C-alpha atoms as a PDB file:
ATOM      1  CA  MET A   1       0.000   0.000   0.000  1.00  0.00           C
ATOM      2  CA  ILE A   2       2.839   2.377   0.855  1.00  0.00           C
ATOM      3  CA  SER A   3       4.601   1.654  -2.437  1.00  0.00           C
ATOM      4  CA  ILE A   4       1.425   2.471  -4.402  1.00  0.00           C
ATOM      5  CA  SER A   5       1.086   5.782  -2.537  1.00  0.00           C
ATOM      6  CA  PHE A   6       4.741   6.552  -3.195  1.00  0.00           C
ATOM      7  CA  ILE A   7       4.316   5.851  -6.917  1.00  0.00           C
ATOM      8  CA  LYS A   8       1.244   8.124  -7.042  1.00  0.00           C
ATOM      9  CA  ILE A   9       3.211  10.914  -5.373  1.00  0.00           C
ATOM     10  CA  LEU A  10       6.087  10.456  -7.819  1.00  0.00           C
ATOM     11  CA  LEU A  11       3.706  10.668 -10.761  1.00  0.00           C
ATOM     12  CA  LEU A  12       2.094  13.840  -9.408  1.00  0.00           C
ATOM     13  CA  VAL A  13       5.494  15.444  -8.932  1.00  0.00           C
ATOM     14  CA  THR A  14       6.946  14.438 -12.295  1.00  0.00           C
ATOM     15  CA  ARG A  15       3.729  14.772 -14.316  1.00  0.00           C
ATOM     16  CA  PRO A  16       1.635  17.536 -12.796  1.00  0.00           C
ATOM     17  CA  ARG A  17      -1.910  18.039 -13.939  1.00  0.00           C
ATOM     18  CA  THR A  18      -2.186  20.472 -16.817  1.00  0.00           C
ATOM     19  CA  THR A  19      -5.374  21.423 -18.579  1.00  0.00           C
ATOM     20  CA  ILE A  20      -6.840  23.539 -21.359  1.00  0.00           C
ATOM     21  CA  LEU A  21      -9.125  26.327 -20.193  1.00  0.00           C
ATOM     22  CA  GLY A  22     -12.184  27.793 -21.879  1.00  0.00           C
ATOM     23  CA  LYS A  23     -14.470  30.710 -21.074  1.00  0.00           C
ATOM     24  CA  LEU A  24     -17.744  29.988 -19.328  1.00  0.00           C
ATOM     25  CA  PRO A  25     -20.669  31.621 -21.163  1.00  0.00           C
ATOM     26  CA  ARG A  26     -21.661  35.134 -20.024  1.00  0.00           C
ATOM     27  CA  THR A  27     -18.755  35.340 -17.548  1.00  0.00           C
ATOM     28  CA  ASN A  28     -15.069  36.234 -17.361  1.00  0.00           C
ATOM     29  CA  ILE A  29     -14.337  32.888 -15.739  1.00  0.00           C
ATOM     30  CA  TYR A  30     -12.062  30.325 -17.388  1.00  0.00           C
ATOM     31  CA  ARG A  31     -12.311  26.651 -16.492  1.00  0.00           C
ATOM     32  CA  ASN A  32     -11.136  23.197 -17.578  1.00  0.00           C
ATOM     33  CA  ILE A  33     -12.869  22.424 -20.885  1.00  0.00           C
ATOM     34  CA  TYR A  34     -13.049  18.723 -20.042  1.00  0.00           C
ATOM     35  CA  GLN A  35     -14.687  19.348 -16.693  1.00  0.00           C
ATOM     36  CA  TYR A  36     -16.975  22.105 -17.992  1.00  0.00           C
ATOM     37  CA  PRO A  37     -18.195  21.181 -21.487  1.00  0.00           C
ATOM     38  CA  GLU A  38     -19.905  24.573 -21.837  1.00  0.00           C
ATOM     39  CA  ALA A  39     -16.528  26.338 -21.480  1.00  0.00           C
ATOM     40  CA  ALA A  40     -15.554  27.588 -24.929  1.00  0.00           C
ATOM     41  CA  LYS A  41     -12.055  27.964 -26.330  1.00  0.00           C
ATOM     42  CA  VAL A  42     -11.148  31.525 -27.306  1.00  0.00           C
ATOM     43  CA  PRO A  43     -10.421  31.887 -31.045  1.00  0.00           C
ATOM     44  CA  GLY A  44      -6.769  32.622 -31.787  1.00  0.00           C
ATOM     45  CA  MET A  45      -5.680  31.665 -28.259  1.00  0.00           C
ATOM     46  CA  LEU A  46      -4.745  28.549 -26.367  1.00  0.00           C
ATOM     47  CA  ILE A  47      -5.168  28.914 -22.618  1.00  0.00           C
ATOM     48  CA  VAL A  48      -3.516  26.312 -20.397  1.00  0.00           C
ATOM     49  CA  ARG A  49      -3.163  25.906 -16.645  1.00  0.00           C
ATOM     50  CA  VAL A  50      -0.322  24.173 -14.834  1.00  0.00           C
ATOM     51  CA  ASP A  51      -1.448  22.824 -11.458  1.00  0.00           C
ATOM     52  CA  SER A  52       1.936  22.489  -9.762  1.00  0.00           C
ATOM     53  CA  ALA A  53       5.246  24.154  -9.031  1.00  0.00           C
ATOM     54  CA  ILE A  54       7.611  23.892 -12.003  1.00  0.00           C
ATOM     55  CA  TYR A  55      10.797  22.131 -10.886  1.00  0.00           C
ATOM     56  CA  PHE A  56      13.650  20.120 -12.303  1.00  0.00           C
ATOM     57  CA  SER A  57      11.593  16.942 -11.957  1.00  0.00           C
ATOM     58  CA  ASN A  58       8.675  18.135 -14.085  1.00  0.00           C
ATOM     59  CA  SER A  59       9.785  21.161 -16.125  1.00  0.00           C
ATOM     60  CA  ASN A  60      10.480  19.239 -19.335  1.00  0.00           C
ATOM     61  CA  TYR A  61       7.152  17.390 -19.051  1.00  0.00           C
ATOM     62  CA  VAL A  62       5.242  20.675 -18.603  1.00  0.00           C
ATOM     63  CA  LYS A  63       6.954  22.256 -21.618  1.00  0.00           C
ATOM     64  CA  GLU A  64       6.430  19.197 -23.832  1.00  0.00           C
ATOM     65  CA  ARG A  65       2.788  18.807 -22.761  1.00  0.00           C
ATOM     66  CA  ILE A  66       2.011  22.409 -23.654  1.00  0.00           C
ATOM     67  CA  LEU A  67       3.773  22.097 -27.014  1.00  0.00           C
ATOM     68  CA  ARG A  68       1.881  18.861 -27.762  1.00  0.00           C
ATOM     69  CA  TRP A  69      -1.438  20.576 -27.049  1.00  0.00           C
ATOM     70  CA  LEU A  70      -0.430  23.493 -29.212  1.00  0.00           C
ATOM     71  CA  THR A  71       0.482  21.209 -32.114  1.00  0.00           C
ATOM     72  CA  ASP A  72      -2.777  19.258 -31.770  1.00  0.00           C
ATOM     73  CA  GLU A  73      -4.788  22.460 -31.618  1.00  0.00           C
ATOM     74  CA  GLU A  74      -3.028  23.935 -34.665  1.00  0.00           C
ATOM     75  CA  GLU A  75      -3.689  20.768 -36.677  1.00  0.00           C
ATOM     76  CA  GLN A  76      -7.401  20.841 -35.768  1.00  0.00           C
ATOM     77  CA  LEU A  77      -7.691  24.506 -36.709  1.00  0.00           C
ATOM     78  CA  LYS A  78      -5.937  23.921 -40.027  1.00  0.00           C
ATOM     79  CA  GLU A  79      -8.206  20.963 -40.870  1.00  0.00           C
ATOM     80  CA  ASN A  80     -11.282  23.080 -40.159  1.00  0.00           C
ATOM     81  CA  GLN A  81      -9.845  26.141 -41.939  1.00  0.00           C
ATOM     82  CA  LEU A  82     -10.083  28.255 -38.780  1.00  0.00           C
ATOM     83  CA  PRO A  83      -7.742  31.122 -37.802  1.00  0.00           C
ATOM     84  CA  ARG A  84      -4.419  30.063 -36.326  1.00  0.00           C
ATOM     85  CA  ILE A  85      -3.354  30.464 -32.704  1.00  0.00           C
ATOM     86  CA  GLN A  86      -1.592  33.761 -32.081  1.00  0.00           C
ATOM     87  CA  TYR A  87      -1.350  33.633 -28.284  1.00  0.00           C
ATOM     88  CA  LEU A  88      -0.536  31.023 -25.660  1.00  0.00           C
ATOM     89  CA  ILE A  89      -1.753  32.080 -22.220  1.00  0.00           C
ATOM     90  CA  VAL A  90      -0.404  30.090 -19.282  1.00  0.00           C
ATOM     91  CA  GLU A  91      -2.539  30.416 -16.151  1.00  0.00           C
ATOM     92  CA  MET A  92      -0.051  30.206 -13.299  1.00  0.00           C
ATOM     93  CA  SER A  93      -2.027  30.767 -10.098  1.00  0.00           C
ATOM     94  CA  PRO A  94      -1.470  27.149  -8.941  1.00  0.00           C
ATOM     95  CA  VAL A  95       2.281  27.432  -9.656  1.00  0.00           C
ATOM     96  CA  THR A  96       3.661  28.090  -6.184  1.00  0.00           C
ATOM     97  CA  ASP A  97       7.334  28.039  -7.173  1.00  0.00           C
ATOM     98  CA  VAL A  98       9.686  27.689 -10.103  1.00  0.00           C
ATOM     99  CA  ASP A  99      13.372  26.709 -10.037  1.00  0.00           C
ATOM    100  CA  THR A 100      16.134  27.366 -12.573  1.00  0.00           C
ATOM    101  CA  SER A 101      15.143  24.273 -14.576  1.00  0.00           C
ATOM    102  CA  GLY A 102      11.581  25.574 -14.672  1.00  0.00           C
ATOM    103  CA  ILE A 103      12.772  28.986 -15.882  1.00  0.00           C
ATOM    104  CA  HIS A 104      14.913  27.276 -18.526  1.00  0.00           C
ATOM    105  CA  ALA A 105      11.884  25.240 -19.696  1.00  0.00           C
ATOM    106  CA  LEU A 106       9.847  28.467 -19.945  1.00  0.00           C
ATOM    107  CA  GLU A 107      12.653  30.046 -21.978  1.00  0.00           C
ATOM    108  CA  GLU A 108      12.671  27.046 -24.341  1.00  0.00           C
ATOM    109  CA  LEU A 109       8.886  27.251 -24.633  1.00  0.00           C
ATOM    110  CA  TYR A 110       9.158  30.968 -25.438  1.00  0.00           C
ATOM    111  CA  LYS A 111      11.806  30.343 -28.146  1.00  0.00           C
ATOM    112  CA  ASN A 112       9.711  27.561 -29.675  1.00  0.00           C
ATOM    113  CA  LEU A 113       6.675  29.853 -29.755  1.00  0.00           C
ATOM    114  CA  GLN A 114       8.666  32.659 -31.377  1.00  0.00           C
ATOM    115  CA  LYS A 115       9.530  30.312 -34.256  1.00  0.00           C
ATOM    116  CA  ARG A 116       5.787  29.692 -34.692  1.00  0.00           C
ATOM    117  CA  ASP A 117       4.944  33.419 -34.444  1.00  0.00           C
ATOM    118  CA  ILE A 118       2.936  32.847 -31.241  1.00  0.00           C
ATOM    119  CA  GLN A 119       3.079  35.246 -28.295  1.00  0.00           C
ATOM    120  CA  LEU A 120       3.514  33.853 -24.766  1.00  0.00           C
ATOM    121  CA  CYS A 121       1.508  35.431 -21.944  1.00  0.00           C
ATOM    122  CA  LEU A 122       1.466  34.524 -18.264  1.00  0.00           C
ATOM    123  CA  ALA A 123      -1.611  35.028 -16.096  1.00  0.00           C
ATOM    124  CA  ASN A 124      -1.673  35.397 -12.328  1.00  0.00           C
ATOM    125  CA  PRO A 125       1.759  34.151 -11.264  1.00  0.00           C
ATOM    126  CA  GLY A 126       2.243  34.359  -7.486  1.00  0.00           C
ATOM    127  CA  GLN A 127       4.749  36.720  -5.891  1.00  0.00           C
ATOM    128  CA  ALA A 128       7.434  34.055  -5.370  1.00  0.00           C
ATOM    129  CA  VAL A 129       7.177  33.105  -9.055  1.00  0.00           C
ATOM    130  CA  ILE A 130       7.175  36.748 -10.213  1.00  0.00           C
ATOM    131  CA  ASP A 131      10.295  37.428  -8.143  1.00  0.00           C
ATOM    132  CA  LYS A 132      12.107  34.525  -9.802  1.00  0.00           C
ATOM    133  CA  LEU A 133      10.893  35.539 -13.276  1.00  0.00           C
ATOM    134  CA  HIS A 134      12.389  38.996 -12.668  1.00  0.00           C
ATOM    135  CA  ALA A 135      15.602  37.691 -11.073  1.00  0.00           C
ATOM    136  CA  SER A 136      16.205  35.458 -14.098  1.00  0.00           C
ATOM    137  CA  ASN A 137      15.256  38.246 -16.553  1.00  0.00           C
ATOM    138  CA  PHE A 138      12.559  35.997 -18.036  1.00  0.00           C
ATOM    139  CA  ALA A 139       9.937  38.679 -17.345  1.00  0.00           C
ATOM    140  CA  TYR A 140      11.980  41.098 -19.457  1.00  0.00           C
ATOM    141  CA  LEU A 141      12.548  38.478 -22.156  1.00  0.00           C
ATOM    142  CA  ILE A 142       8.832  37.959 -22.796  1.00  0.00           C
ATOM    143  CA  GLY A 143       7.950  41.564 -21.903  1.00  0.00           C
ATOM    144  CA  GLU A 144       6.370  42.965 -18.759  1.00  0.00           C
ATOM    145  CA  ASP A 145       3.255  43.673 -20.826  1.00  0.00           C
ATOM    146  CA  LYS A 146       2.800  39.899 -21.290  1.00  0.00           C
ATOM    147  CA  ILE A 147       2.240  39.225 -17.574  1.00  0.00           C
ATOM    148  CA  PHE A 148      -1.329  39.711 -16.367  1.00  0.00           C
ATOM    149  CA  LEU A 149      -3.278  39.596 -13.108  1.00  0.00           C
ATOM    150  CA  SER A 150      -5.913  37.268 -14.548  1.00  0.00           C
ATOM    151  CA  VAL A 151      -6.721  35.138 -17.566  1.00  0.00           C
ATOM    152  CA  ALA A 152      -9.569  37.542 -18.375  1.00  0.00           C
ATOM    153  CA  ASP A 153      -7.116  40.476 -18.482  1.00  0.00           C
ATOM    154  CA  ALA A 154      -4.748  38.505 -20.719  1.00  0.00           C
ATOM    155  CA  VAL A 155      -7.550  37.506 -23.097  1.00  0.00           C
ATOM    156  CA  LEU A 156      -8.848  41.078 -23.309  1.00  0.00           C
ATOM    157  CA  SER A 157      -5.387  42.470 -24.063  1.00  0.00           C
ATOM    158  CA  CYS A 158      -4.599  39.762 -26.608  1.00  0.00           C
ATOM    159  CA  ALA A 159      -7.981  40.162 -28.308  1.00  0.00           C
ATOM    160  CA  GLN A 160      -7.315  43.884 -28.773  1.00  0.00           C
ATOM    161  CA  LYS A 161      -3.826  43.229 -30.180  1.00  0.00           C
ATOM    162  CA  LYS A 162      -5.118  40.359 -32.339  1.00  0.00           C
ATOM    163  CA  GLU A 163      -7.350  42.818 -34.162  1.00  0.00           C
ATOM    164  CA  GLU A 164      -4.255  44.907 -35.001  1.00  0.00           C
ATOM    165  CA  PHE A 165      -2.599  41.980 -36.891  1.00  0.00           C
END
């Protein structure tokens, strides 16, 4: 029994829950699209949430998971002749901490997105995370204007900029 619990803990640490968020109708609330079928994806944006600190043990998994979702989403949009994704918004309120490996994974994610002409935005990172993003210069790399207090703020800003494209 103890070994099963230990394995579950290891899986949670190395493969944290991540999910795609959609907007609930007539609200500014964004929730898991699999848990809330009425939550709608926002055109031109992919909104994801990471439900764990981003550490050495899981940083590569988080980055790869997000990139896999992005690739899947882009393929679906292309098949249905819908507009491409221009923004990736990462909801970070559950991310309590990030280490240097986590910062490096975010930098790699950012570089990958740049090659695809997709802007990276962060929503609601906690103070400890913000401090580390500034200390590592990652906040300056992506731009201070790409860090928002909420997903709703990020979506509103991106929607306004999207119209300028």
